[in-house]
Protein backbone atom coordinates (compact mmCIF):
# COMPACT_ATOMS: atom_id res chain seq x y z
CA MET A 1 86.77 52.35 119.79
CA ALA A 2 85.26 55.50 117.40
CA VAL A 3 87.57 58.48 117.90
CA LYS A 4 86.14 61.70 118.31
CA LEU A 5 87.17 64.61 115.96
CA ASN A 6 87.48 68.26 116.83
CA ASN A 7 86.24 70.97 114.29
CA ARG A 8 89.67 71.40 112.90
CA GLU A 9 90.69 67.89 112.42
CA ARG A 10 86.94 67.62 110.55
CA GLU A 11 87.85 70.61 108.73
CA GLU A 12 91.20 69.21 107.37
CA GLN A 13 89.97 65.88 106.39
CA LYS A 14 87.12 67.17 104.33
CA VAL A 15 87.21 66.25 100.86
CA LYS A 16 87.40 69.33 98.54
CA SER A 17 86.72 69.55 95.29
CA TYR A 18 88.43 71.11 92.24
CA LYS A 19 87.44 72.62 88.87
CA PHE A 20 90.81 73.04 86.69
CA ILE A 21 89.98 75.90 84.05
CA ILE A 22 92.83 75.81 81.62
CA ASN A 23 93.47 77.95 78.80
CA PRO A 24 95.62 76.09 76.60
CA ILE A 25 97.22 78.51 74.90
CA ALA A 26 98.10 80.66 77.99
CA GLY A 27 101.92 80.78 77.84
CA GLY A 28 102.64 79.97 74.24
CA GLY A 29 100.52 76.42 75.33
CA LYS A 30 102.83 76.18 78.56
CA THR A 31 99.55 74.87 80.45
CA LYS A 32 99.46 71.62 78.08
CA ALA A 33 102.75 70.47 79.99
CA LEU A 34 101.56 71.61 83.48
CA LEU A 35 98.53 68.78 83.61
CA PRO A 36 100.37 65.39 83.88
CA ALA A 37 101.86 66.92 86.86
CA LEU A 38 99.03 68.15 88.61
CA GLU A 39 96.64 65.24 87.44
CA ARG A 40 99.45 62.71 89.16
CA ILE A 41 99.68 64.58 92.22
CA PHE A 42 95.68 65.00 92.30
CA LYS A 43 95.24 61.04 91.82
CA GLU A 44 98.28 60.23 94.41
CA LYS A 45 95.95 62.25 97.16
CA GLY A 46 92.66 61.07 96.01
CA ALA A 47 91.56 64.63 95.22
CA GLU A 48 88.35 64.90 93.14
CA TYR A 49 89.08 67.21 90.27
CA ASP A 50 87.55 67.57 87.11
CA LEU A 51 89.47 69.75 83.74
CA TYR A 52 87.91 72.02 81.38
CA TRP A 53 89.81 73.21 78.38
CA THR A 54 88.87 76.70 77.65
CA ARG A 55 87.95 77.13 73.68
CA ALA A 56 87.84 81.38 73.45
CA ARG A 57 88.16 84.01 74.69
CA GLY A 58 85.23 84.44 77.72
CA ASP A 59 84.70 80.98 77.87
CA GLY A 60 86.52 80.73 80.56
CA ILE A 61 83.90 82.60 82.72
CA GLU A 62 80.99 80.33 81.58
CA ALA A 63 82.92 77.85 82.75
CA ALA A 64 83.55 79.07 86.27
CA ALA A 65 79.86 80.04 86.88
CA ARG A 66 78.71 76.50 85.63
CA ALA A 67 81.72 75.07 88.00
CA ALA A 68 80.41 76.87 90.87
CA GLU A 69 76.70 75.93 90.22
CA GLU A 70 77.71 72.44 89.96
CA GLY A 71 79.20 72.68 93.64
CA PHE A 72 83.09 72.76 93.00
CA GLU A 73 84.44 74.19 96.30
CA ILE A 74 88.13 75.52 94.48
CA VAL A 75 88.13 76.55 90.69
CA VAL A 76 91.49 76.77 89.52
CA ALA A 77 92.17 79.10 86.94
CA VAL A 78 95.73 76.80 84.84
CA GLY A 79 96.68 80.20 82.13
CA GLY A 80 98.12 83.73 82.87
CA ASP A 81 95.99 86.61 84.83
CA GLY A 82 93.82 87.02 81.81
CA THR A 83 92.54 83.30 82.74
CA VAL A 84 92.23 83.96 86.42
CA ASN A 85 90.21 87.40 85.72
CA GLU A 86 87.50 85.17 83.65
CA VAL A 87 87.68 82.90 86.50
CA LEU A 88 87.38 85.64 88.96
CA ASN A 89 84.37 86.81 87.04
CA GLY A 90 82.45 83.63 86.69
CA ILE A 91 82.38 82.64 90.36
CA ALA A 92 82.24 86.34 91.87
CA GLY A 93 79.19 86.26 93.89
CA THR A 94 79.31 82.28 94.42
CA GLU A 95 80.58 80.19 97.41
CA ALA A 96 83.52 78.88 95.09
CA VAL A 97 87.41 79.86 96.08
CA LEU A 98 89.48 81.31 93.54
CA ALA A 99 93.06 79.43 92.91
CA ALA A 100 95.81 80.10 90.33
CA VAL A 101 99.01 78.47 89.20
CA HIS A 102 101.87 79.89 87.24
CA GLY A 103 100.74 79.30 83.43
CA GLY A 104 100.84 82.27 81.75
CA LYS A 105 103.12 85.10 81.06
CA GLY A 106 102.38 87.50 83.85
CA ASN A 107 100.61 85.54 86.52
CA ASP A 108 101.00 88.37 89.15
CA PHE A 109 97.73 87.10 90.99
CA ALA A 110 99.62 83.62 91.27
CA THR A 111 102.34 84.95 92.84
CA ALA A 112 100.37 87.73 95.17
CA VAL A 113 98.88 84.61 96.87
CA GLY A 114 102.36 83.09 97.19
CA MET A 115 101.62 79.96 94.47
CA PRO A 116 105.07 78.18 94.03
CA ARG A 117 106.40 78.56 90.18
CA LYS A 118 107.40 74.99 90.28
CA ILE A 119 104.21 72.98 89.42
CA GLU A 120 104.73 69.66 92.04
CA ALA A 121 104.78 72.53 94.67
CA ALA A 122 102.13 74.09 93.21
CA GLY A 123 100.08 70.72 93.15
CA LEU A 124 100.73 70.03 96.96
CA ALA A 125 99.90 74.08 97.75
CA LEU A 126 96.95 73.47 95.92
CA LEU A 127 95.44 70.88 98.48
CA LYS A 128 96.96 72.08 101.98
CA GLY A 129 96.42 75.56 101.18
CA LYS A 130 94.69 78.34 103.09
CA THR A 131 91.56 80.75 101.97
CA ARG A 132 91.69 84.04 102.95
CA ALA A 133 88.56 86.74 102.26
CA ILE A 134 90.42 89.90 100.05
CA ASP A 135 89.42 93.02 98.00
CA LEU A 136 87.49 92.49 95.10
CA GLY A 137 87.13 95.42 92.65
CA ARG A 138 84.73 96.46 90.04
CA VAL A 139 84.98 98.67 86.74
CA MET A 140 82.99 98.94 83.46
CA ASP A 141 80.81 95.90 85.01
CA ARG A 142 83.91 93.57 85.06
CA TYR A 143 85.34 92.47 88.51
CA PHE A 144 89.41 92.89 89.41
CA ILE A 145 90.96 91.15 91.64
CA ASN A 146 94.71 92.19 91.55
CA SER A 147 95.13 95.77 89.01
CA VAL A 148 94.09 98.05 86.58
CA GLY A 149 96.21 100.22 84.35
CA VAL A 150 94.69 102.69 82.17
CA GLY A 151 96.92 105.04 79.02
CA PHE A 152 100.33 104.21 78.54
CA ASP A 153 100.73 100.97 80.09
CA ALA A 154 97.90 99.48 78.58
CA ALA A 155 98.93 99.97 75.51
CA VAL A 156 101.84 98.00 75.97
CA ALA A 157 100.10 95.14 77.39
CA GLU A 158 97.82 95.46 74.17
CA ARG A 159 101.03 95.18 72.03
CA VAL A 160 102.06 92.05 74.42
CA ASN A 161 98.79 90.51 74.34
CA ASN A 162 98.91 90.65 70.21
CA GLY A 163 102.14 88.78 70.58
CA VAL A 164 106.16 89.65 70.65
CA ARG A 165 108.42 87.31 68.56
CA PHE A 166 111.01 85.57 70.60
CA PHE A 167 110.19 87.62 74.26
CA LYS A 168 107.85 86.49 77.09
CA GLY A 169 107.21 87.73 80.46
CA VAL A 170 109.13 90.95 81.84
CA SER A 171 111.24 90.89 78.75
CA ALA A 172 108.24 91.16 76.29
CA TYR A 173 107.06 94.05 78.48
CA THR A 174 110.55 95.75 78.46
CA TYR A 175 110.59 95.47 75.17
CA VAL A 176 107.33 97.11 73.69
CA PHE A 177 107.91 99.70 76.55
CA LEU A 178 110.70 101.03 74.30
CA GLU A 179 108.70 100.49 71.67
CA LYS A 180 105.89 102.50 72.34
CA LEU A 181 108.21 105.08 74.31
CA PHE A 182 107.97 108.20 71.15
CA ALA A 183 104.76 106.59 69.87
CA TYR A 184 101.90 106.27 72.83
CA LYS A 185 99.77 109.84 73.08
CA SER A 186 98.45 110.82 76.77
CA VAL A 187 94.90 112.19 76.55
CA GLU A 188 93.16 115.36 79.47
CA ALA A 189 91.53 113.40 82.17
CA MET A 190 89.17 114.79 85.26
CA ILE A 191 90.22 112.18 88.17
CA ASP A 192 88.10 112.06 91.25
CA ILE A 193 89.52 110.11 94.23
CA GLY A 194 86.52 111.64 96.44
CA ASN A 195 87.86 115.45 96.95
CA GLY A 196 86.58 116.51 93.92
CA PRO A 197 87.59 116.26 90.39
CA LEU A 198 91.86 117.13 89.40
CA ARG A 199 92.05 117.63 85.78
CA SER A 200 95.37 116.09 84.46
CA VAL A 201 97.26 114.87 81.62
CA PRO A 202 98.68 111.38 82.95
CA LEU A 203 100.75 109.18 81.37
CA LEU A 204 99.26 106.14 83.07
CA VAL A 205 96.54 105.46 85.91
CA ALA A 206 97.05 102.65 87.78
CA VAL A 207 94.44 101.02 90.50
CA GLY A 208 95.67 98.21 92.37
CA ILE A 209 94.52 95.58 94.98
CA GLY A 210 97.75 93.78 94.42
CA GLN A 211 101.19 95.62 94.42
CA ALA A 212 102.47 94.21 91.00
CA TYR A 213 101.55 93.55 87.15
CA GLY A 214 102.73 92.94 84.19
CA GLY A 215 104.91 90.02 85.51
CA GLY A 216 105.98 91.64 88.83
CA MET A 217 106.00 95.62 87.83
CA LYS A 218 105.42 97.05 91.30
CA ILE A 219 103.42 100.20 90.40
CA VAL A 220 101.06 100.33 94.05
CA PRO A 221 104.07 98.56 96.13
CA ASP A 222 102.31 99.31 99.32
CA ALA A 223 98.87 97.67 98.26
CA ILE A 224 97.12 96.08 100.83
CA GLN A 225 94.91 93.13 99.51
CA ASP A 226 92.59 93.42 102.27
CA ASP A 227 92.55 96.78 103.74
CA GLY A 228 89.51 97.78 101.99
CA LEU A 229 91.46 100.47 99.71
CA PHE A 230 92.98 100.58 96.15
CA ASP A 231 96.17 102.50 95.65
CA VAL A 232 96.51 104.46 92.76
CA CYS A 233 99.27 105.59 90.81
CA VAL A 234 98.91 108.48 88.70
CA PHE A 235 102.01 109.47 86.81
CA ASP A 236 101.92 112.76 85.02
CA ASP A 237 102.58 113.32 81.24
CA SER A 238 104.83 115.93 81.79
CA ILE A 239 108.06 114.18 82.24
CA SER A 240 110.35 114.14 79.53
CA ARG A 241 110.50 110.58 77.08
CA LEU A 242 114.08 110.51 78.17
CA GLY A 243 112.98 110.81 82.13
CA LEU A 244 110.54 108.09 81.77
CA PHE A 245 113.28 105.62 80.08
CA TYR A 246 115.58 106.69 83.10
CA HIS A 247 112.64 106.31 85.95
CA PHE A 248 110.38 103.86 84.67
CA PRO A 249 113.06 100.79 85.45
CA LYS A 250 112.68 101.80 89.33
CA VAL A 251 108.62 100.10 88.99
CA PHE A 252 110.78 96.94 89.44
CA SER A 253 111.93 97.82 92.75
CA GLY A 254 108.62 99.72 93.84
CA LYS A 255 111.02 103.03 93.70
CA LEU A 256 108.71 104.77 91.06
CA LYS A 257 107.01 106.17 93.59
CA TYR A 258 109.67 108.47 94.64
CA VAL A 259 109.61 110.18 91.02
CA LYS A 260 108.35 113.56 91.61
CA GLN A 261 105.69 113.12 89.04
CA VAL A 262 104.27 110.56 90.26
CA SER A 263 101.29 110.87 92.73
CA MET A 264 100.05 107.89 94.82
CA TYR A 265 96.75 107.94 96.82
CA ARG A 266 94.50 105.53 98.82
CA THR A 267 90.72 105.51 98.53
CA PRO A 268 88.03 103.03 98.35
CA GLU A 269 86.44 104.88 95.06
CA LEU A 270 87.55 106.75 91.84
CA LYS A 271 86.15 107.99 88.91
CA LEU A 272 88.08 108.57 85.85
CA GLN A 273 87.01 110.99 82.99
CA LEU A 274 89.31 110.80 79.68
CA SER A 275 88.94 112.96 76.75
CA GLU A 276 89.29 110.14 74.37
CA PRO A 277 88.91 106.02 74.98
CA ARG A 278 92.12 104.79 75.37
CA PRO A 279 92.77 101.03 76.51
CA LEU A 280 93.06 99.53 79.97
CA HIS A 281 94.16 96.37 80.86
CA MET A 282 92.60 94.33 83.00
CA GLU A 283 94.95 91.74 84.43
CA GLY A 284 95.54 90.09 81.29
CA GLU A 285 92.17 91.61 79.99
CA ILE A 286 91.83 94.25 77.08
CA LEU A 287 89.07 97.06 77.25
CA PHE A 288 88.66 100.44 75.60
CA GLY A 289 86.70 103.06 77.45
CA ASP A 290 86.83 106.87 78.62
CA SER A 291 84.42 107.09 81.31
CA MET A 292 85.83 104.79 84.58
CA HIS A 293 84.05 104.33 87.79
CA PHE A 294 86.13 102.12 90.21
CA THR A 295 84.37 100.52 92.99
CA LEU A 296 85.40 97.90 95.70
CA GLU A 297 83.67 95.37 98.02
CA PRO A 298 86.19 95.08 100.74
CA ARG A 299 86.98 91.17 101.13
CA ALA A 300 84.27 90.10 99.33
CA MET A 301 86.48 87.81 97.33
CA THR A 302 87.49 84.19 99.07
CA VAL A 303 91.03 82.76 97.42
CA LEU A 304 93.77 80.27 97.97
CA VAL A 305 96.90 80.92 99.34
CA ALA A 306 99.54 78.86 99.37
CA ASP A 307 101.72 80.38 101.88
CA PRO A 308 100.46 83.02 103.78
CA SER A 309 103.92 84.55 104.82
CA ARG A 310 104.84 85.71 101.67
CA VAL A 311 101.23 87.65 100.68
CA ASN A 312 100.48 91.51 101.41
CA PHE A 313 97.66 91.10 103.87
């Protein structure tokens, strides 16, 4: 006797195909230790998957684009937020779904979508997770899905990316923050969030879809990933360095927004013109520029969410 399935049952029984884009140097080589457990889980469940190890910076973009062209339904970034950003830029505009596991220093996107840190739980979450459409940002001809920081925080991220002995994750960012505290020089900026340009000398400007960067720093703690708006933090450089030292740790609790030199905005578009080029960090990737136009495509990227109850929709 034939068993007739309803639409939900058909969807649940559909075999999905996964492409893992693996950065072998992310997290100090952490990703190499993750793969045996992931492969064991996928083989036990009979899941269709393939692996690709990136060979150089930018290689993940091309590998992810090929995966989408080959019909892989879910493309998994195995690395840090920089690997996520490369995979994102390879599959944006395609039908492929973005997923990520914790494999780097920060892993803010994996955290934002509720991915478990333990690899066995993450492997099962990849197989059972739900898909959601979230907002997609763009600046300087590159997509981002979590955050971009311009100024002091980007200078810190650049230094962390170059390697900090004995430190990783939040501790690395904290160490470099202290190192850069008196060395960084802010520049004048014109900031336009739709009401005309405002002149400022910002210590940093953070533009977020997700709430956190730098391994858990809640720079825009009220951000919602699918509301069609950027959350923007402008931290004015009028604060003293002693005041910065005192107040900046509040970023970990989401309380930095209450500091009087901090202004928070919500906008679907932002233009930023700096008097001199400065670094910006985009989900672990470091770029440089002085003219930036941030645009947003509402709910334009489908991502795999491990635990919908833990994410900020």
